[in-house]
Amino acid sequence: VPPVGTQTYSNSLTTSAAGTTGNANGAVANDTSNNGAN
């Protein structure tokens, strides 16, 4: 429920995951979301 008038909102999420193979086992990768489906 926004206040009166035009409002613009920008949203990002963050994600992380750990590798499972060899010397990457447990190494963490991160990313912040990009606008769109790609």
Full PDB file with SEQRES, HELIX, SHEET, SSBOND, CRYST1, ORIGX, SCALE, CONECT and MASTER records, all heavy atoms in Angstrom:
SEQRES   1 A   38  VAL PRO PRO VAL GLY THR GLN THR TYR SER ASN SER LEU          
SEQRES   2 A   38  THR THR SER ALA ALA GLY THR THR GLY ASN ALA ASN GLY          
SEQRES   3 A   38  ALA VAL ALA ASN ASP THR SER ASN ASN GLY ALA ASN              
HELIX    1 AA1 GLY A   22  ALA A   24  5                                   3    
SHEET    1 AA1 2 THR A  14  ALA A  18  0                                        
SHEET    2 AA1 2 VAL A  28  THR A  32 -1                                        
CRYST1    1.000    1.000    1.000  90.00  90.00  90.00 P 1           1          
ORIGX1      1.000000  0.000000  0.000000        0.00000                         
ORIGX2      0.000000  1.000000  0.000000        0.00000                         
ORIGX3      0.000000  0.000000  1.000000        0.00000                         
SCALE1      1.000000  0.000000  0.000000        0.00000                         
SCALE2      0.000000  1.000000  0.000000        0.00000                         
SCALE3      0.000000  0.000000  1.000000        0.00000                         
ATOM      1  N   VAL A   1       0.880  -1.169   0.000  1.00  0.00           N  
ATOM      2  CA  VAL A   1       0.000   0.000   0.000  1.00  0.00           C  
ATOM      3  C   VAL A   1       0.916   1.217   0.000  1.00  0.00           C  
ATOM      4  O   VAL A   1       1.527   1.544   1.022  1.00  0.00           O  
ATOM      5  CB  VAL A   1      -0.935   0.020   1.219  1.00  0.00           C  
ATOM      6  CG1 VAL A   1      -1.825   1.264   1.185  1.00  0.00           C  
ATOM      7  CG2 VAL A   1      -1.786  -1.242   1.272  1.00  0.00           C  
ATOM      8  N   PRO A   2       1.054   1.882  -1.159  1.00  0.00           N  
ATOM      9  CA  PRO A   2       1.989   3.003  -1.254  1.00  0.00           C  
ATOM     10  C   PRO A   2       1.341   4.306  -0.812  1.00  0.00           C  
ATOM     11  O   PRO A   2       0.104   4.399  -0.717  1.00  0.00           O  
ATOM     12  CB  PRO A   2       2.313   3.041  -2.748  1.00  0.00           C  
ATOM     13  CG  PRO A   2       1.046   2.575  -3.397  1.00  0.00           C  
ATOM     14  CD  PRO A   2       0.441   1.556  -2.450  1.00  0.00           C  
ATOM     15  N   PRO A   3       2.147   5.336  -0.562  1.00  0.00           N  
ATOM     16  CA  PRO A   3       1.580   6.664  -0.320  1.00  0.00           C  
ATOM     17  C   PRO A   3       1.028   7.237  -1.615  1.00  0.00           C  
ATOM     18  O   PRO A   3       1.170   6.644  -2.683  1.00  0.00           O  
ATOM     19  CB  PRO A   3       2.786   7.461   0.188  1.00  0.00           C  
ATOM     20  CG  PRO A   3       3.968   6.757  -0.398  1.00  0.00           C  
ATOM     21  CD  PRO A   3       3.600   5.310  -0.457  1.00  0.00           C  
ATOM     22  N   VAL A   4       0.411   8.392  -1.532  1.00  0.00           N  
ATOM     23  CA  VAL A   4      -0.190   9.027  -2.699  1.00  0.00           C  
ATOM     24  C   VAL A   4       0.892   9.411  -3.704  1.00  0.00           C  
ATOM     25  O   VAL A   4       2.003   9.787  -3.339  1.00  0.00           O  
ATOM     26  CB  VAL A   4      -0.976  10.282  -2.272  1.00  0.00           C  
ATOM     27  CG1 VAL A   4      -1.444  11.086  -3.480  1.00  0.00           C  
ATOM     28  CG2 VAL A   4      -2.167   9.863  -1.419  1.00  0.00           C  
ATOM     29  N   GLY A   5       0.543   9.306  -4.979  1.00  0.00           N  
ATOM     30  CA  GLY A   5       1.461   9.720  -6.034  1.00  0.00           C  
ATOM     31  C   GLY A   5       2.281   8.569  -6.577  1.00  0.00           C  
ATOM     32  O   GLY A   5       2.181   7.426  -6.120  1.00  0.00           O  
ATOM     33  N   THR A   6       3.092   8.882  -7.583  1.00  0.00           N  
ATOM     34  CA  THR A   6       3.907   7.866  -8.242  1.00  0.00           C  
ATOM     35  C   THR A   6       5.103   7.492  -7.381  1.00  0.00           C  
ATOM     36  O   THR A   6       5.793   8.356  -6.846  1.00  0.00           O  
ATOM     37  CB  THR A   6       4.388   8.385  -9.611  1.00  0.00           C  
ATOM     38  OG1 THR A   6       3.250   8.682 -10.409  1.00  0.00           O  
ATOM     39  CG2 THR A   6       5.252   7.357 -10.317  1.00  0.00           C  
ATOM     40  N   GLN A   7       5.355   6.184  -7.265  1.00  0.00           N  
ATOM     41  CA  GLN A   7       6.474   5.676  -6.477  1.00  0.00           C  
ATOM     42  C   GLN A   7       7.260   4.677  -7.323  1.00  0.00           C  
ATOM     43  O   GLN A   7       6.672   3.881  -8.052  1.00  0.00           O  
ATOM     44  CB  GLN A   7       5.985   4.975  -5.203  1.00  0.00           C  
ATOM     45  CG  GLN A   7       4.998   5.762  -4.375  1.00  0.00           C  
ATOM     46  CD  GLN A   7       5.599   6.973  -3.720  1.00  0.00           C  
ATOM     47  OE1 GLN A   7       6.789   6.990  -3.393  1.00  0.00           O  
ATOM     48  NE2 GLN A   7       4.803   8.016  -3.539  1.00  0.00           N  
ATOM     49  N   THR A   8       8.575   4.725  -7.209  1.00  0.00           N  
ATOM     50  CA  THR A   8       9.431   3.744  -7.871  1.00  0.00           C  
ATOM     51  C   THR A   8      10.218   2.987  -6.812  1.00  0.00           C  
ATOM     52  O   THR A   8      10.841   3.597  -5.937  1.00  0.00           O  
ATOM     53  CB  THR A   8      10.394   4.415  -8.867  1.00  0.00           C  
ATOM     54  OG1 THR A   8       9.640   5.050  -9.895  1.00  0.00           O  
ATOM     55  CG2 THR A   8      11.316   3.380  -9.512  1.00  0.00           C  
ATOM     56  N   TYR A   9      10.174   1.661  -6.895  1.00  0.00           N  
ATOM     57  CA  TYR A   9      10.859   0.800  -5.936  1.00  0.00           C  
ATOM     58  C   TYR A   9      11.861  -0.082  -6.682  1.00  0.00           C  
ATOM     59  O   TYR A   9      11.545  -0.623  -7.740  1.00  0.00           O  
ATOM     60  CB  TYR A   9       9.864  -0.087  -5.188  1.00  0.00           C  
ATOM     61  CG  TYR A   9       8.769   0.664  -4.478  1.00  0.00           C  
ATOM     62  CD1 TYR A   9       7.491   0.776  -5.043  1.00  0.00           C  
ATOM     63  CD2 TYR A   9       8.988   1.264  -3.244  1.00  0.00           C  
ATOM     64  CE1 TYR A   9       6.474   1.459  -4.394  1.00  0.00           C  
ATOM     65  CE2 TYR A   9       7.977   1.948  -2.583  1.00  0.00           C  
ATOM     66  CZ  TYR A   9       6.721   2.047  -3.165  1.00  0.00           C  
ATOM     67  OH  TYR A   9       5.726   2.722  -2.526  1.00  0.00           O  
ATOM     68  N   SER A  10      13.052  -0.231  -6.124  1.00  0.00           N  
ATOM     69  CA  SER A  10      14.080  -1.085  -6.723  1.00  0.00           C  
ATOM     70  C   SER A  10      14.423  -2.209  -5.761  1.00  0.00           C  
ATOM     71  O   SER A  10      14.650  -1.968  -4.570  1.00  0.00           O  
ATOM     72  CB  SER A  10      15.336  -0.277  -7.051  1.00  0.00           C  
ATOM     73  OG  SER A  10      15.049   0.695  -8.040  1.00  0.00           O  
ATOM     74  N   ASN A  11      14.468  -3.432  -6.287  1.00  0.00           N  
ATOM     75  CA  ASN A  11      14.671  -4.596  -5.430  1.00  0.00           C  
ATOM     76  C   ASN A  11      15.829  -5.450  -5.935  1.00  0.00           C  
ATOM     77  O   ASN A  11      15.972  -5.683  -7.132  1.00  0.00           O  
ATOM     78  CB  ASN A  11      13.403  -5.448  -5.385  1.00  0.00           C  
ATOM     79  CG  ASN A  11      13.591  -6.728  -4.604  1.00  0.00           C  
ATOM     80  OD1 ASN A  11      13.940  -7.752  -5.153  1.00  0.00           O  
ATOM     81  ND2 ASN A  11      13.366  -6.655  -3.301  1.00  0.00           N  
ATOM     82  N   SER A  12      16.655  -5.906  -4.999  1.00  0.00           N  
ATOM     83  CA  SER A  12      17.729  -6.856  -5.295  1.00  0.00           C  
ATOM     84  C   SER A  12      17.733  -7.928  -4.221  1.00  0.00           C  
ATOM     85  O   SER A  12      17.374  -7.670  -3.070  1.00  0.00           O  
ATOM     86  CB  SER A  12      19.098  -6.167  -5.313  1.00  0.00           C  
ATOM     87  OG  SER A  12      19.205  -5.240  -6.360  1.00  0.00           O  
ATOM     88  N   LEU A  13      18.134  -9.137  -4.598  1.00  0.00           N  
ATOM     89  CA  LEU A  13      18.379 -10.171  -3.601  1.00  0.00           C  
ATOM     90  C   LEU A  13      19.816 -10.650  -3.751  1.00  0.00           C  
ATOM     91  O   LEU A  13      20.462 -10.413  -4.775  1.00  0.00           O  
ATOM     92  CB  LEU A  13      17.391 -11.331  -3.715  1.00  0.00           C  
ATOM     93  CG  LEU A  13      17.327 -12.222  -4.957  1.00  0.00           C  
ATOM     94  CD1 LEU A  13      18.505 -13.186  -5.046  1.00  0.00           C  
ATOM     95  CD2 LEU A  13      16.045 -13.023  -4.952  1.00  0.00           C  
ATOM     96  N   THR A  14      20.315 -11.311  -2.741  1.00  0.00           N  
ATOM     97  CA  THR A  14      21.651 -11.889  -2.791  1.00  0.00           C  
ATOM     98  C   THR A  14      21.552 -13.392  -2.660  1.00  0.00           C  
ATOM     99  O   THR A  14      20.650 -13.910  -1.979  1.00  0.00           O  
ATOM    100  CB  THR A  14      22.553 -11.325  -1.669  1.00  0.00           C  
ATOM    101  OG1 THR A  14      21.934 -11.578  -0.399  1.00  0.00           O  
ATOM    102  CG2 THR A  14      22.762  -9.835  -1.842  1.00  0.00           C  
ATOM    103  N   THR A  15      22.463 -14.091  -3.321  1.00  0.00           N  
ATOM    104  CA  THR A  15      22.465 -15.547  -3.271  1.00  0.00           C  
ATOM    105  C   THR A  15      23.878 -16.040  -3.038  1.00  0.00           C  
ATOM    106  O   THR A  15      24.856 -15.355  -3.351  1.00  0.00           O  
ATOM    107  CB  THR A  15      21.903 -16.140  -4.585  1.00  0.00           C  
ATOM    108  OG1 THR A  15      21.823 -17.555  -4.466  1.00  0.00           O  
ATOM    109  CG2 THR A  15      22.794 -15.795  -5.767  1.00  0.00           C  
ATOM    110  N   SER A  16      23.997 -17.230  -2.472  1.00  0.00           N  
ATOM    111  CA  SER A  16      25.302 -17.848  -2.253  1.00  0.00           C  
ATOM    112  C   SER A  16      25.157 -19.357  -2.371  1.00  0.00           C  
ATOM    113  O   SER A  16      24.060 -19.911  -2.240  1.00  0.00           O  
ATOM    114  CB  SER A  16      25.870 -17.480  -0.880  1.00  0.00           C  
ATOM    115  OG  SER A  16      25.095 -18.059   0.153  1.00  0.00           O  
ATOM    116  N   ALA A  17      26.279 -20.024  -2.631  1.00  0.00           N  
ATOM    117  CA  ALA A  17      26.300 -21.482  -2.739  1.00  0.00           C  
ATOM    118  C   ALA A  17      27.742 -21.939  -2.589  1.00  0.00           C  
ATOM    119  O   ALA A  17      28.684 -21.168  -2.785  1.00  0.00           O  
ATOM    120  CB  ALA A  17      25.729 -21.951  -4.070  1.00  0.00           C  
ATOM    121  N   ALA A  18      27.933 -23.221  -2.251  1.00  0.00           N  
ATOM    122  CA  ALA A  18      29.270 -23.776  -2.045  1.00  0.00           C  
ATOM    123  C   ALA A  18      29.563 -24.833  -3.099  1.00  0.00           C  
ATOM    124  O   ALA A  18      28.702 -25.640  -3.454  1.00  0.00           O  
ATOM    125  CB  ALA A  18      29.380 -24.379  -0.652  1.00  0.00           C  
ATOM    126  N   GLY A  19      30.819 -24.817  -3.607  1.00  0.00           N  
ATOM    127  CA  GLY A  19      31.257 -25.856  -4.528  1.00  0.00           C  
ATOM    128  C   GLY A  19      31.397 -27.183  -3.827  1.00  0.00           C  
ATOM    129  O   GLY A  19      31.588 -27.250  -2.605  1.00  0.00           O  
ATOM    130  N   THR A  20      31.318 -28.276  -4.595  1.00  0.00           N  
ATOM    131  CA  THR A  20      31.359 -29.602  -3.977  1.00  0.00           C  
ATOM    132  C   THR A  20      32.478 -30.484  -4.512  1.00  0.00           C  
ATOM    133  O   THR A  20      32.647 -31.610  -4.051  1.00  0.00           O  
ATOM    134  CB  THR A  20      30.027 -30.339  -4.204  1.00  0.00           C  
ATOM    135  OG1 THR A  20      29.824 -30.521  -5.613  1.00  0.00           O  
ATOM    136  CG2 THR A  20      28.861 -29.541  -3.629  1.00  0.00           C  
ATOM    137  N   THR A  21      33.270 -30.008  -5.485  1.00  0.00           N  
ATOM    138  CA  THR A  21      34.255 -30.858  -6.137  1.00  0.00           C  
ATOM    139  C   THR A  21      35.674 -30.446  -5.776  1.00  0.00           C  
ATOM    140  O   THR A  21      36.021 -29.264  -5.825  1.00  0.00           O  
ATOM    141  CB  THR A  21      34.107 -30.783  -7.673  1.00  0.00           C  
ATOM    142  OG1 THR A  21      32.766 -31.135  -8.009  1.00  0.00           O  
ATOM    143  CG2 THR A  21      35.063 -31.732  -8.366  1.00  0.00           C  
ATOM    144  N   GLY A  22      36.512 -31.433  -5.438  1.00  0.00           N  
ATOM    145  CA  GLY A  22      37.946 -31.213  -5.265  1.00  0.00           C  
ATOM    146  C   GLY A  22      38.276 -30.055  -4.355  1.00  0.00           C  
ATOM    147  O   GLY A  22      37.721 -29.902  -3.273  1.00  0.00           O  
ATOM    148  N   ASN A  23      39.231 -29.211  -4.840  1.00  0.00           N  
ATOM    149  CA  ASN A  23      39.672 -28.103  -3.989  1.00  0.00           C  
ATOM    150  C   ASN A  23      38.628 -26.989  -3.890  1.00  0.00           C  
ATOM    151  O   ASN A  23      38.847 -26.000  -3.224  1.00  0.00           O  
ATOM    152  CB  ASN A  23      40.991 -27.519  -4.509  1.00  0.00           C  
ATOM    153  CG  ASN A  23      40.874 -27.049  -5.947  1.00  0.00           C  
ATOM    154  OD1 ASN A  23      39.791 -27.065  -6.520  1.00  0.00           O  
ATOM    155  ND2 ASN A  23      41.981 -26.639  -6.540  1.00  0.00           N  
ATOM    156  N   ALA A  24      37.484 -27.131  -4.601  1.00  0.00           N  
ATOM    157  CA  ALA A  24      36.395 -26.161  -4.467  1.00  0.00           C  
ATOM    158  C   ALA A  24      35.374 -26.613  -3.438  1.00  0.00           C  
ATOM    159  O   ALA A  24      34.375 -25.922  -3.219  1.00  0.00           O  
ATOM    160  CB  ALA A  24      35.700 -25.953  -5.815  1.00  0.00           C  
ATOM    161  N   ASN A  25      35.625 -27.760  -2.839  1.00  0.00           N  
ATOM    162  CA  ASN A  25      34.670 -28.287  -1.871  1.00  0.00           C  
ATOM    163  C   ASN A  25      34.540 -27.311  -0.698  1.00  0.00           C  
ATOM    164  O   ASN A  25      35.494 -27.111   0.056  1.00  0.00           O  
ATOM    165  CB  ASN A  25      35.130 -29.653  -1.376  1.00  0.00           C  
ATOM    166  CG  ASN A  25      34.088 -30.337  -0.518  1.00  0.00           C  
ATOM    167  OD1 ASN A  25      32.919 -29.969  -0.554  1.00  0.00           O  
ATOM    168  ND2 ASN A  25      34.514 -31.319   0.252  1.00  0.00           N  
ATOM    169  N   GLY A  26      33.362 -26.692  -0.577  1.00  0.00           N  
ATOM    170  CA  GLY A  26      33.129 -25.732   0.499  1.00  0.00           C  
ATOM    171  C   GLY A  26      33.417 -24.306   0.117  1.00  0.00           C  
ATOM    172  O   GLY A  26      33.052 -23.390   0.859  1.00  0.00           O  
ATOM    173  N   ALA A  27      34.084 -24.060  -1.014  1.00  0.00           N  
ATOM    174  CA  ALA A  27      34.342 -22.693  -1.449  1.00  0.00           C  
ATOM    175  C   ALA A  27      33.025 -22.027  -1.821  1.00  0.00           C  
ATOM    176  O   ALA A  27      32.181 -22.620  -2.497  1.00  0.00           O  
ATOM    177  CB  ALA A  27      35.288 -22.684  -2.639  1.00  0.00           C  
ATOM    178  N   VAL A  28      32.807 -20.791  -1.363  1.00  0.00           N  
ATOM    179  CA  VAL A  28      31.516 -20.123  -1.503  1.00  0.00           C  
ATOM    180  C   VAL A  28      31.525 -19.139  -2.660  1.00  0.00           C  
ATOM    181  O   VAL A  28      32.467 -18.370  -2.834  1.00  0.00           O  
ATOM    182  CB  VAL A  28      31.146 -19.386  -0.199  1.00  0.00           C  
ATOM    183  CG1 VAL A  28      29.846 -18.594  -0.364  1.00  0.00           C  
ATOM    184  CG2 VAL A  28      31.006 -20.383   0.941  1.00  0.00           C  
ATOM    185  N   ALA A  29      30.466 -19.175  -3.457  1.00  0.00           N  
ATOM    186  CA  ALA A  29      30.246 -18.209  -4.529  1.00  0.00           C  
ATOM    187  C   ALA A  29      29.044 -17.348  -4.165  1.00  0.00           C  
ATOM    188  O   ALA A  29      28.103 -17.818  -3.524  1.00  0.00           O  
ATOM    189  CB  ALA A  29      29.992 -18.923  -5.851  1.00  0.00           C  
ATOM    190  N   ASN A  30      29.067 -16.073  -4.567  1.00  0.00           N  
ATOM    191  CA  ASN A  30      27.998 -15.141  -4.248  1.00  0.00           C  
ATOM    192  C   ASN A  30      27.583 -14.365  -5.494  1.00  0.00           C  
ATOM    193  O   ASN A  30      28.359 -14.218  -6.442  1.00  0.00           O  
ATOM    194  CB  ASN A  30      28.450 -14.137  -3.178  1.00  0.00           C  
ATOM    195  CG  ASN A  30      28.873 -14.804  -1.888  1.00  0.00           C  
ATOM    196  OD1 ASN A  30      28.046 -15.210  -1.092  1.00  0.00           O  
ATOM    197  ND2 ASN A  30      30.185 -14.921  -1.688  1.00  0.00           N  
ATOM    198  N   ASP A  31      26.370 -13.833  -5.467  1.00  0.00           N  
ATOM    199  CA  ASP A  31      25.923 -12.949  -6.538  1.00  0.00           C  
ATOM    200  C   ASP A  31      24.764 -12.098  -6.035  1.00  0.00           C  
ATOM    201  O   ASP A  31      24.013 -12.498  -5.147  1.00  0.00           O  
ATOM    202  CB  ASP A  31      25.476 -13.749  -7.774  1.00  0.00           C  
ATOM    203  CG  ASP A  31      25.181 -12.848  -8.972  1.00  0.00           C  
ATOM    204  OD1 ASP A  31      25.886 -11.825  -9.120  1.00  0.00           O  
ATOM    205  OD2 ASP A  31      24.264 -13.153  -9.739  1.00  0.00           O  
ATOM    206  N   THR A  32      24.652 -10.895  -6.622  1.00  0.00           N  
ATOM    207  CA  THR A  32      23.508 -10.018  -6.408  1.00  0.00           C  
ATOM    208  C   THR A  32      22.669 -10.059  -7.670  1.00  0.00           C  
ATOM    209  O   THR A  32      23.199 -10.039  -8.778  1.00  0.00           O  
ATOM    210  CB  THR A  32      23.970  -8.574  -6.121  1.00  0.00           C  
ATOM    211  OG1 THR A  32      24.760  -8.568  -4.932  1.00  0.00           O  
ATOM    212  CG2 THR A  32      22.772  -7.649  -5.925  1.00  0.00           C  
ATOM    213  N   SER A  33      21.358 -10.128  -7.515  1.00  0.00           N  
ATOM    214  CA  SER A  33      20.483 -10.360  -8.660  1.00  0.00           C  
ATOM    215  C   SER A  33      20.570  -9.254  -9.703  1.00  0.00           C  
ATOM    216  O   SER A  33      20.851  -8.092  -9.400  1.00  0.00           O  
ATOM    217  CB  SER A  33      19.035 -10.522  -8.196  1.00  0.00           C  
ATOM    218  OG  SER A  33      18.571  -9.333  -7.578  1.00  0.00           O  
ATOM    219  N   ASN A  34      20.300  -9.654 -10.954  1.00  0.00           N  
ATOM    220  CA  ASN A  34      20.267  -8.737 -12.085  1.00  0.00           C  
ATOM    221  C   ASN A  34      18.830  -8.596 -12.571  1.00  0.00           C  
ATOM    222  O   ASN A  34      18.044  -9.541 -12.523  1.00  0.00           O  
ATOM    223  CB  ASN A  34      21.149  -9.267 -13.219  1.00  0.00           C  
ATOM    224  CG  ASN A  34      21.271  -8.280 -14.350  1.00  0.00           C  
ATOM    225  OD1 ASN A  34      21.717  -7.147 -14.143  1.00  0.00           O  
ATOM    226  ND2 ASN A  34      20.893  -8.672 -15.550  1.00  0.00           N  
ATOM    227  N   ASN A  35      18.471  -7.419 -13.048  1.00  0.00           N  
ATOM    228  CA  ASN A  35      17.112  -7.198 -13.551  1.00  0.00           C  
ATOM    229  C   ASN A  35      16.866  -8.024 -14.807  1.00  0.00           C  
ATOM    230  O   ASN A  35      17.646  -7.966 -15.759  1.00  0.00           O  
ATOM    231  CB  ASN A  35      16.914  -5.711 -13.859  1.00  0.00           C  
ATOM    232  CG  ASN A  35      15.527  -5.413 -14.363  1.00  0.00           C  
ATOM    233  OD1 ASN A  35      14.554  -6.054 -13.952  1.00  0.00           O  
ATOM    234  ND2 ASN A  35      15.405  -4.453 -15.264  1.00  0.00           N  
ATOM    235  N   GLY A  36      15.789  -8.792 -14.795  1.00  0.00           N  
ATOM    236  CA  GLY A  36      15.456  -9.620 -15.949  1.00  0.00           C  
ATOM    237  C   GLY A  36      15.454 -11.088 -15.586  1.00  0.00           C  
ATOM    238  O   GLY A  36      15.465 -11.461 -14.413  1.00  0.00           O  
ATOM    239  N   ALA A  37      15.483 -11.932 -16.624  1.00  0.00           N  
ATOM    240  CA  ALA A  37      15.455 -13.382 -16.415  1.00  0.00           C  
ATOM    241  C   ALA A  37      16.822 -14.008 -16.622  1.00  0.00           C  
ATOM    242  O   ALA A  37      16.969 -15.225 -16.439  1.00  0.00           O  
ATOM    243  CB  ALA A  37      14.451 -14.023 -17.363  1.00  0.00           C  
ATOM    244  N   ASN A  38      17.836 -13.218 -16.991  1.00  0.00           N  
ATOM    245  CA  ASN A  38      19.169 -13.744 -17.293  1.00  0.00           C  
ATOM    246  C   ASN A  38      20.185 -13.181 -16.304  1.00  0.00           C  
ATOM    247  O   ASN A  38      20.460 -11.978 -16.312  1.00  0.00           O  
ATOM    248  CB  ASN A  38      19.568 -13.374 -18.720  1.00  0.00           C  
ATOM    249  CG  ASN A  38      20.870 -14.034 -19.157  1.00  0.00           C  
ATOM    250  OD1 ASN A  38      21.561 -14.660 -18.359  1.00  0.00           O  
ATOM    251  ND2 ASN A  38      21.201 -13.886 -20.419  1.00  0.00           N  
TER     252      ASN A  38                                                      
MASTER        0    0    0    1    2    0    0    6  251    1    0    3          
END                                                                             
